[in-house]
């Protein structure tokens, strides 16, 4: 499965289930992921990083997100997105 597509779908699903005040956060997360080259994501996967960590790296290193949100908020947003994906798998 394409990891980038999977992560974008998870962010989108999470956005649909959350309060509207978080739309900007999830939109910026999606944009950061879209700007990330698939080869970079694959490189992280080949180096034994899990999808949670890959999304966290992308989110924490994105300039737009770093300007608008505190690191703690970004970490919690990634946890929330990934927890939502685990709920769907069960």
PDB file of N, CA and C in Angstrom:
ATOM      1  N   UNK A   1       0.849  -1.183   0.000  1.00  0.00           N
ATOM      2  CA  UNK A   1       0.000   0.000   0.000  1.00  0.00           C
ATOM      3  C   UNK A   1       0.892   1.243   0.000  1.00  0.00           C
ATOM      4  N   UNK A   2       0.480   2.234  -0.689  1.00  0.00           N
ATOM      5  CA  UNK A   2       1.227   3.475  -0.766  1.00  0.00           C
ATOM      6  C   UNK A   2       1.101   4.217   0.567  1.00  0.00           C
ATOM      7  N   UNK A   3       2.216   4.369   1.237  1.00  0.00           N
ATOM      8  CA  UNK A   3       2.228   4.969   2.570  1.00  0.00           C
ATOM      9  C   UNK A   3       1.727   6.410   2.561  1.00  0.00           C
ATOM     10  N   UNK A   4       2.133   7.159   1.563  1.00  0.00           N
ATOM     11  CA  UNK A   4       1.723   8.557   1.476  1.00  0.00           C
ATOM     12  C   UNK A   4       0.198   8.663   1.340  1.00  0.00           C
ATOM     13  N   UNK A   5      -0.378   7.844   0.487  1.00  0.00           N
ATOM     14  CA  UNK A   5      -1.831   7.841   0.293  1.00  0.00           C
ATOM     15  C   UNK A   5      -2.544   7.411   1.566  1.00  0.00           C
ATOM     16  N   UNK A   6      -2.004   6.401   2.221  1.00  0.00           N
ATOM     17  CA  UNK A   6      -2.571   5.920   3.480  1.00  0.00           C
ATOM     18  C   UNK A   6      -2.593   7.039   4.519  1.00  0.00           C
ATOM     19  N   UNK A   7      -1.470   7.741   4.674  1.00  0.00           N
ATOM     20  CA  UNK A   7      -1.392   8.808   5.666  1.00  0.00           C
ATOM     21  C   UNK A   7      -2.327   9.967   5.329  1.00  0.00           C
ATOM     22  N   UNK A   8      -2.403  10.309   4.049  1.00  0.00           N
ATOM     23  CA  UNK A   8      -3.329  11.375   3.642  1.00  0.00           C
ATOM     24  C   UNK A   8      -4.773  10.996   3.947  1.00  0.00           C
ATOM     25  N   UNK A   9      -5.116   9.741   3.693  1.00  0.00           N
ATOM     26  CA  UNK A   9      -6.473   9.267   3.994  1.00  0.00           C
ATOM     27  C   UNK A   9      -6.749   9.326   5.491  1.00  0.00           C
ATOM     28  N   UNK A  10      -5.759   8.968   6.299  1.00  0.00           N
ATOM     29  CA  UNK A  10      -5.937   8.992   7.753  1.00  0.00           C
ATOM     30  C   UNK A  10      -6.139  10.417   8.257  1.00  0.00           C
ATOM     31  N   UNK A  11      -5.359  11.348   7.727  1.00  0.00           N
ATOM     32  CA  UNK A  11      -5.509  12.746   8.134  1.00  0.00           C
ATOM     33  C   UNK A  11      -6.895  13.244   7.726  1.00  0.00           C
ATOM     34  N   UNK A  12      -7.309  12.897   6.518  1.00  0.00           N
ATOM     35  CA  UNK A  12      -8.627  13.331   6.033  1.00  0.00           C
ATOM     36  C   UNK A  12      -9.754  12.763   6.903  1.00  0.00           C
ATOM     37  N   UNK A  13      -9.689  11.476   7.237  1.00  0.00           N
ATOM     38  CA  UNK A  13     -10.709  10.860   8.092  1.00  0.00           C
ATOM     39  C   UNK A  13     -10.743  11.523   9.467  1.00  0.00           C
ATOM     40  N   UNK A  14      -9.562  11.778  10.004  1.00  0.00           N
ATOM     41  CA  UNK A  14      -9.483  12.410  11.319  1.00  0.00           C
ATOM     42  C   UNK A  14     -10.091  13.811  11.274  1.00  0.00           C
ATOM     43  N   UNK A  15      -9.797  14.541  10.197  1.00  0.00           N
ATOM     44  CA  UNK A  15     -10.342  15.892  10.043  1.00  0.00           C
ATOM     45  C   UNK A  15     -11.867  15.858  10.023  1.00  0.00           C
ATOM     46  N   UNK A  16     -12.437  14.872   9.355  1.00  0.00           N
ATOM     47  CA  UNK A  16     -13.891  14.768   9.270  1.00  0.00           C
ATOM     48  C   UNK A  16     -14.536  14.477  10.627  1.00  0.00           C
ATOM     49  N   UNK A  17     -13.797  13.808  11.511  1.00  0.00           N
ATOM     50  CA  UNK A  17     -14.328  13.423  12.817  1.00  0.00           C
ATOM     51  C   UNK A  17     -14.055  14.439  13.923  1.00  0.00           C
ATOM     52  N   UNK A  18     -13.337  15.520  13.605  1.00  0.00           N
ATOM     53  CA  UNK A  18     -12.929  16.478  14.639  1.00  0.00           C
ATOM     54  C   UNK A  18     -13.714  17.776  14.565  1.00  0.00           C
ATOM     55  N   UNK A  19     -13.482  18.571  15.556  1.00  0.00           N
ATOM     56  CA  UNK A  19     -14.068  19.913  15.602  1.00  0.00           C
ATOM     57  C   UNK A  19     -13.519  20.741  14.447  1.00  0.00           C
ATOM     58  N   UNK A  20     -14.327  21.645  13.955  1.00  0.00           N
ATOM     59  CA  UNK A  20     -13.944  22.501  12.825  1.00  0.00           C
ATOM     60  C   UNK A  20     -12.755  23.403  13.155  1.00  0.00           C
ATOM     61  N   UNK A  21     -12.546  23.696  14.423  1.00  0.00           N
ATOM     62  CA  UNK A  21     -11.430  24.570  14.800  1.00  0.00           C
ATOM     63  C   UNK A  21     -10.069  23.925  14.519  1.00  0.00           C
ATOM     64  N   UNK A  22     -10.054  22.612  14.285  1.00  0.00           N
ATOM     65  CA  UNK A  22      -8.803  21.906  13.991  1.00  0.00           C
ATOM     66  C   UNK A  22      -8.565  21.728  12.493  1.00  0.00           C
ATOM     67  N   UNK A  23      -9.479  22.211  11.667  1.00  0.00           N
ATOM     68  CA  UNK A  23      -9.343  22.050  10.216  1.00  0.00           C
ATOM     69  C   UNK A  23      -8.023  22.596   9.687  1.00  0.00           C
ATOM     70  N   UNK A  24      -7.616  23.758  10.150  1.00  0.00           N
ATOM     71  CA  UNK A  24      -6.373  24.376   9.687  1.00  0.00           C
ATOM     72  C   UNK A  24      -5.178  23.472   9.991  1.00  0.00           C
ATOM     73  N   UNK A  25      -5.142  22.910  11.174  1.00  0.00           N
ATOM     74  CA  UNK A  25      -4.054  22.006  11.558  1.00  0.00           C
ATOM     75  C   UNK A  25      -3.986  20.812  10.614  1.00  0.00           C
ATOM     76  N   UNK A  26      -5.114  20.158  10.386  1.00  0.00           N
ATOM     77  CA  UNK A  26      -5.113  18.972   9.539  1.00  0.00           C
ATOM     78  C   UNK A  26      -4.881  19.316   8.067  1.00  0.00           C
ATOM     79  N   UNK A  27      -5.325  20.487   7.641  1.00  0.00           N
ATOM     80  CA  UNK A  27      -5.036  20.930   6.268  1.00  0.00           C
ATOM     81  C   UNK A  27      -3.542  21.144   6.077  1.00  0.00           C
ATOM     82  N   UNK A  28      -2.904  21.783   7.042  1.00  0.00           N
ATOM     83  CA  UNK A  28      -1.459  22.006   6.948  1.00  0.00           C
ATOM     84  C   UNK A  28      -0.683  20.695   7.025  1.00  0.00           C
ATOM     85  N   UNK A  29      -1.174  19.749   7.824  1.00  0.00           N
ATOM     86  CA  UNK A  29      -0.527  18.434   7.885  1.00  0.00           C
ATOM     87  C   UNK A  29      -0.613  17.741   6.525  1.00  0.00           C
ATOM     88  N   UNK A  30      -1.777  17.815   5.901  1.00  0.00           N
ATOM     89  CA  UNK A  30      -1.956  17.217   4.569  1.00  0.00           C
ATOM     90  C   UNK A  30      -1.031  17.862   3.550  1.00  0.00           C
ATOM     91  N   UNK A  31      -0.951  19.185   3.583  1.00  0.00           N
ATOM     92  CA  UNK A  31      -0.094  19.895   2.642  1.00  0.00           C
ATOM     93  C   UNK A  31       1.374  19.537   2.843  1.00  0.00           C
ATOM     94  N   UNK A  32       1.791  19.405   4.089  1.00  0.00           N
ATOM     95  CA  UNK A  32       3.179  19.018   4.379  1.00  0.00           C
ATOM     96  C   UNK A  32       3.463  17.626   3.818  1.00  0.00           C
ATOM     97  N   UNK A  33       2.518  16.732   3.976  1.00  0.00           N
ATOM     98  CA  UNK A  33       2.682  15.372   3.468  1.00  0.00           C
ATOM     99  C   UNK A  33       2.707  15.351   1.937  1.00  0.00           C
ATOM    100  N   UNK A  34       1.863  16.149   1.315  1.00  0.00           N
ATOM    101  CA  UNK A  34       1.823  16.218  -0.150  1.00  0.00           C
ATOM    102  C   UNK A  34       3.154  16.741  -0.690  1.00  0.00           C
ATOM    103  N   UNK A  35       3.748  17.714   0.003  1.00  0.00           N
ATOM    104  CA  UNK A  35       5.026  18.285  -0.436  1.00  0.00           C
ATOM    105  C   UNK A  35       6.196  17.323  -0.246  1.00  0.00           C
ATOM    106  N   UNK A  36       6.021  16.305   0.570  1.00  0.00           N
ATOM    107  CA  UNK A  36       7.093  15.349   0.839  1.00  0.00           C
ATOM    108  C   UNK A  36       7.176  14.338  -0.295  1.00  0.00           C
ATOM    109  N   UNK A  37       8.368  14.146  -0.795  1.00  0.00           N
ATOM    110  CA  UNK A  37       8.597  13.210  -1.887  1.00  0.00           C
ATOM    111  C   UNK A  37       8.368  11.775  -1.402  1.00  0.00           C
ATOM    112  N   UNK A  38       7.713  10.978  -2.220  1.00  0.00           N
ATOM    113  CA  UNK A  38       7.454   9.574  -1.872  1.00  0.00           C
ATOM    114  C   UNK A  38       8.753   8.807  -1.656  1.00  0.00           C
ATOM    115  N   UNK A  39       9.795   9.171  -2.371  1.00  0.00           N
ATOM    116  CA  UNK A  39      11.097   8.507  -2.211  1.00  0.00           C
ATOM    117  C   UNK A  39      11.651   8.725  -0.801  1.00  0.00           C
ATOM    118  N   UNK A  40      11.406   9.902  -0.240  1.00  0.00           N
ATOM    119  CA  UNK A  40      11.849  10.177   1.133  1.00  0.00           C
ATOM    120  C   UNK A  40      11.102   9.287   2.125  1.00  0.00           C
ATOM    121  N   UNK A  41       9.804   9.152   1.916  1.00  0.00           N
ATOM    122  CA  UNK A  41       8.994   8.284   2.783  1.00  0.00           C
ATOM    123  C   UNK A  41       9.480   6.838   2.668  1.00  0.00           C
ATOM    124  N   UNK A  42       9.729   6.389   1.440  1.00  0.00           N
ATOM    125  CA  UNK A  42      10.235   5.027   1.222  1.00  0.00           C
ATOM    126  C   UNK A  42      11.586   4.823   1.896  1.00  0.00           C
ATOM    127  N   UNK A  43      12.436   5.847   1.835  1.00  0.00           N
ATOM    128  CA  UNK A  43      13.753   5.758   2.473  1.00  0.00           C
ATOM    129  C   UNK A  43      13.591   5.521   3.976  1.00  0.00           C
ATOM    130  N   UNK A  44      12.668   6.276   4.601  1.00  0.00           N
ATOM    131  CA  UNK A  44      12.413   6.090   6.035  1.00  0.00           C
ATOM    132  C   UNK A  44      11.895   4.679   6.314  1.00  0.00           C
ATOM    133  N   UNK A  45      11.028   4.175   5.461  1.00  0.00           N
ATOM    134  CA  UNK A  45      10.503   2.819   5.647  1.00  0.00           C
ATOM    135  C   UNK A  45      11.609   1.779   5.536  1.00  0.00           C
ATOM    136  N   UNK A  46      12.498   1.957   4.581  1.00  0.00           N
ATOM    137  CA  UNK A  46      13.609   1.014   4.407  1.00  0.00           C
ATOM    138  C   UNK A  46      14.582   1.054   5.581  1.00  0.00           C
ATOM    139  N   UNK A  47      14.569   2.156   6.321  1.00  0.00           N
ATOM    140  CA  UNK A  47      15.429   2.289   7.490  1.00  0.00           C
ATOM    141  C   UNK A  47      14.674   1.986   8.781  1.00  0.00           C
ATOM    142  N   UNK A  48      13.622   1.180   8.634  1.00  0.00           N
ATOM    143  CA  UNK A  48      12.869   0.611   9.764  1.00  0.00           C
ATOM    144  C   UNK A  48      12.097   1.607  10.623  1.00  0.00           C
ATOM    145  N   UNK A  49      11.732   2.751  10.056  1.00  0.00           N
ATOM    146  CA  UNK A  49      10.842   3.657  10.782  1.00  0.00           C
ATOM    147  C   UNK A  49       9.406   3.228  10.527  1.00  0.00           C
ATOM    148  N   UNK A  50       8.571   3.381  11.528  1.00  0.00           N
ATOM    149  CA  UNK A  50       7.152   3.057  11.368  1.00  0.00           C
ATOM    150  C   UNK A  50       6.417   4.301  10.871  1.00  0.00           C
ATOM    151  N   UNK A  51       5.225   4.107  10.341  1.00  0.00           N
ATOM    152  CA  UNK A  51       4.466   5.211   9.753  1.00  0.00           C
ATOM    153  C   UNK A  51       4.240   6.350  10.740  1.00  0.00           C
ATOM    154  N   UNK A  52       4.010   6.032  11.989  1.00  0.00           N
ATOM    155  CA  UNK A  52       3.812   7.063  13.012  1.00  0.00           C
ATOM    156  C   UNK A  52       5.018   8.013  13.056  1.00  0.00           C
ATOM    157  N   UNK A  53       6.217   7.415  13.097  1.00  0.00           N
ATOM    158  CA  UNK A  53       7.435   8.210  13.173  1.00  0.00           C
ATOM    159  C   UNK A  53       7.662   9.027  11.906  1.00  0.00           C
ATOM    160  N   UNK A  54       7.327   8.448  10.770  1.00  0.00           N
ATOM    161  CA  UNK A  54       7.495   9.160   9.503  1.00  0.00           C
ATOM    162  C   UNK A  54       6.594  10.392   9.472  1.00  0.00           C
ATOM    163  N   UNK A  55       5.345  10.218   9.857  1.00  0.00           N
ATOM    164  CA  UNK A  55       4.426  11.361   9.888  1.00  0.00           C
ATOM    165  C   UNK A  55       4.918  12.409  10.879  1.00  0.00           C
ATOM    166  N   UNK A  56       5.411  11.976  12.015  1.00  0.00           N
ATOM    167  CA  UNK A  56       5.922  12.906  13.023  1.00  0.00           C
ATOM    168  C   UNK A  56       7.102  13.710  12.469  1.00  0.00           C
ATOM    169  N   UNK A  57       8.023  13.059  11.798  1.00  0.00           N
ATOM    170  CA  UNK A  57       9.173  13.757  11.210  1.00  0.00           C
ATOM    171  C   UNK A  57       8.704  14.797  10.194  1.00  0.00           C
ATOM    172  N   UNK A  58       7.783  14.398   9.341  1.00  0.00           N
ATOM    173  CA  UNK A  58       7.275  15.311   8.311  1.00  0.00           C
ATOM    174  C   UNK A  58       6.606  16.526   8.953  1.00  0.00           C
ATOM    175  N   UNK A  59       5.782  16.280   9.944  1.00  0.00           N
ATOM    176  CA  UNK A  59       5.035  17.359  10.598  1.00  0.00           C
ATOM    177  C   UNK A  59       5.967  18.294  11.378  1.00  0.00           C
ATOM    178  N   UNK A  60       6.916  17.727  12.108  1.00  0.00           N
ATOM    179  CA  UNK A  60       7.798  18.556  12.926  1.00  0.00           C
ATOM    180  C   UNK A  60       8.792  19.372  12.099  1.00  0.00           C
ATOM    181  N   UNK A  61       9.102  18.915  10.897  1.00  0.00           N
ATOM    182  CA  UNK A  61      10.070  19.640  10.072  1.00  0.00           C
ATOM    183  C   UNK A  61       9.428  20.565   9.046  1.00  0.00           C
ATOM    184  N   UNK A  62       8.103  20.621   9.015  1.00  0.00           N
ATOM    185  CA  UNK A  62       7.421  21.507   8.081  1.00  0.00           C
ATOM    186  C   UNK A  62       7.394  22.933   8.632  1.00  0.00           C
ATOM    187  N   UNK A  63       7.832  23.879   7.810  1.00  0.00           N
ATOM    188  CA  UNK A  63       7.928  25.275   8.248  1.00  0.00           C
ATOM    189  C   UNK A  63       6.556  25.862   8.571  1.00  0.00           C
ATOM    190  N   UNK A  64       5.568  25.637   7.706  1.00  0.00           N
ATOM    191  CA  UNK A  64       4.236  26.207   7.945  1.00  0.00           C
ATOM    192  C   UNK A  64       3.639  25.719   9.259  1.00  0.00           C
ATOM    193  N   UNK A  65       3.791  24.442   9.531  1.00  0.00           N
ATOM    194  CA  UNK A  65       3.264  23.901  10.783  1.00  0.00           C
ATOM    195  C   UNK A  65       4.046  24.432  11.984  1.00  0.00           C
ATOM    196  N   UNK A  66       5.370  24.505  11.850  1.00  0.00           N
ATOM    197  CA  UNK A  66       6.204  24.986  12.958  1.00  0.00           C
ATOM    198  C   UNK A  66       5.910  26.435  13.304  1.00  0.00           C
ATOM    199  N   UNK A  67       5.579  27.228  12.301  1.00  0.00           N
ATOM    200  CA  UNK A  67       5.259  28.641  12.545  1.00  0.00           C
ATOM    201  C   UNK A  67       3.921  28.781  13.260  1.00  0.00           C
ATOM    202  N   UNK A  68       2.964  27.946  12.887  1.00  0.00           N
ATOM    203  CA  UNK A  68       1.596  28.095  13.398  1.00  0.00           C
ATOM    204  C   UNK A  68       1.266  27.296  14.648  1.00  0.00           C
ATOM    205  N   UNK A  69       2.048  26.242  14.908  1.00  0.00           N
ATOM    206  CA  UNK A  69       1.690  25.365  16.023  1.00  0.00           C
ATOM    207  C   UNK A  69       2.914  24.991  16.851  1.00  0.00           C
ATOM    208  N   UNK A  70       2.691  24.833  18.119  1.00  0.00           N
ATOM    209  CA  UNK A  70       3.685  24.401  19.082  1.00  0.00           C
ATOM    210  C   UNK A  70       4.026  22.923  18.834  1.00  0.00           C
ATOM    211  N   UNK A  71       5.244  22.528  19.148  1.00  0.00           N
ATOM    212  CA  UNK A  71       5.696  21.143  18.944  1.00  0.00           C
ATOM    213  C   UNK A  71       4.813  20.134  19.685  1.00  0.00           C
ATOM    214  N   UNK A  72       4.363  20.476  20.853  1.00  0.00           N
ATOM    215  CA  UNK A  72       3.513  19.565  21.635  1.00  0.00           C
ATOM    216  C   UNK A  72       2.181  19.332  20.921  1.00  0.00           C
ATOM    217  N   UNK A  73       1.612  20.392  20.378  1.00  0.00           N
ATOM    218  CA  UNK A  73       0.354  20.286  19.629  1.00  0.00           C
ATOM    219  C   UNK A  73       0.559  19.377  18.417  1.00  0.00           C
ATOM    220  N   UNK A  74       1.674  19.542  17.732  1.00  0.00           N
ATOM    221  CA  UNK A  74       1.949  18.725  16.545  1.00  0.00           C
ATOM    222  C   UNK A  74       2.126  17.258  16.915  1.00  0.00           C
ATOM    223  N   UNK A  75       2.839  17.000  18.000  1.00  0.00           N
ATOM    224  CA  UNK A  75       3.014  15.603  18.441  1.00  0.00           C
ATOM    225  C   UNK A  75       1.676  14.968  18.791  1.00  0.00           C
ATOM    226  N   UNK A  76       0.846  15.711  19.504  1.00  0.00           N
ATOM    227  CA  UNK A  76      -0.467  15.182  19.888  1.00  0.00           C
ATOM    228  C   UNK A  76      -1.360  14.973  18.672  1.00  0.00           C
ATOM    229  N   UNK A  77      -1.259  15.852  17.688  1.00  0.00           N
ATOM    230  CA  UNK A  77      -2.053  15.695  16.461  1.00  0.00           C
ATOM    231  C   UNK A  77      -1.662  14.416  15.727  1.00  0.00           C
ATOM    232  N   UNK A  78      -0.372  14.136  15.648  1.00  0.00           N
ATOM    233  CA  UNK A  78       0.096  12.903  14.999  1.00  0.00           C
ATOM    234  C   UNK A  78      -0.399  11.689  15.781  1.00  0.00           C
ATOM    235  N   UNK A  79      -0.299  11.734  17.100  1.00  0.00           N
ATOM    236  CA  UNK A  79      -0.800  10.623  17.925  1.00  0.00           C
ATOM    237  C   UNK A  79      -2.288  10.389  17.675  1.00  0.00           C
ATOM    238  N   UNK A  80      -3.040  11.483  17.599  1.00  0.00           N
ATOM    239  CA  UNK A  80      -4.486  11.388  17.392  1.00  0.00           C
ATOM    240  C   UNK A  80      -4.815  10.776  16.028  1.00  0.00           C
ATOM    241  N   UNK A  81      -4.110  11.223  14.980  1.00  0.00           N
ATOM    242  CA  UNK A  81      -4.323  10.678  13.635  1.00  0.00           C
ATOM    243  C   UNK A  81      -4.010   9.187  13.620  1.00  0.00           C
ATOM    244  N   UNK A  82      -2.909   8.801  14.209  1.00  0.00           N
ATOM    245  CA  UNK A  82      -2.509   7.395  14.178  1.00  0.00           C
ATOM    246  C   UNK A  82      -3.408   6.535  15.074  1.00  0.00           C
ATOM    247  N   UNK A  83      -3.886   7.086  16.170  1.00  0.00           N
ATOM    248  CA  UNK A  83      -4.823   6.345  17.027  1.00  0.00           C
ATOM    249  C   UNK A  83      -6.132   6.114  16.277  1.00  0.00           C
ATOM    250  N   UNK A  84      -6.557   7.091  15.506  1.00  0.00           N
ATOM    251  CA  UNK A  84      -7.773   6.936  14.700  1.00  0.00           C
ATOM    252  C   UNK A  84      -7.610   5.814  13.690  1.00  0.00           C
ATOM    253  N   UNK A  85      -6.429   5.703  13.116  1.00  0.00           N
ATOM    254  CA  UNK A  85      -6.199   4.639  12.129  1.00  0.00           C
ATOM    255  C   UNK A  85      -6.221   3.271  12.796  1.00  0.00           C
ATOM    256  N   UNK A  86      -5.720   3.184  14.010  1.00  0.00           N
ATOM    257  CA  UNK A  86      -5.725   1.888  14.713  1.00  0.00           C
ATOM    258  C   UNK A  86      -7.146   1.462  15.083  1.00  0.00           C
ATOM    259  N   UNK A  87      -7.989   2.437  15.426  1.00  0.00           N
ATOM    260  CA  UNK A  87      -9.381   2.133  15.730  1.00  0.00           C
ATOM    261  C   UNK A  87     -10.094   1.549  14.521  1.00  0.00           C
ATOM    262  N   UNK A  88      -9.786   2.066  13.341  1.00  0.00           N
ATOM    263  CA  UNK A  88     -10.410   1.576  12.114  1.00  0.00           C
ATOM    264  C   UNK A  88      -9.952   0.167  11.771  1.00  0.00           C
ATOM    265  N   UNK A  89      -8.721  -0.172  12.126  1.00  0.00           N
ATOM    266  CA  UNK A  89      -8.193  -1.490  11.792  1.00  0.00           C
ATOM    267  C   UNK A  89      -8.803  -2.589  12.660  1.00  0.00           C
ATOM    268  N   UNK A  90      -9.342  -2.225  13.840  1.00  0.00           N
ATOM    269  CA  UNK A  90      -9.898  -3.250  14.735  1.00  0.00           C
ATOM    270  C   UNK A  90     -11.349  -3.424  14.515  1.00  0.00           C
TER     271      UNK A  90
END
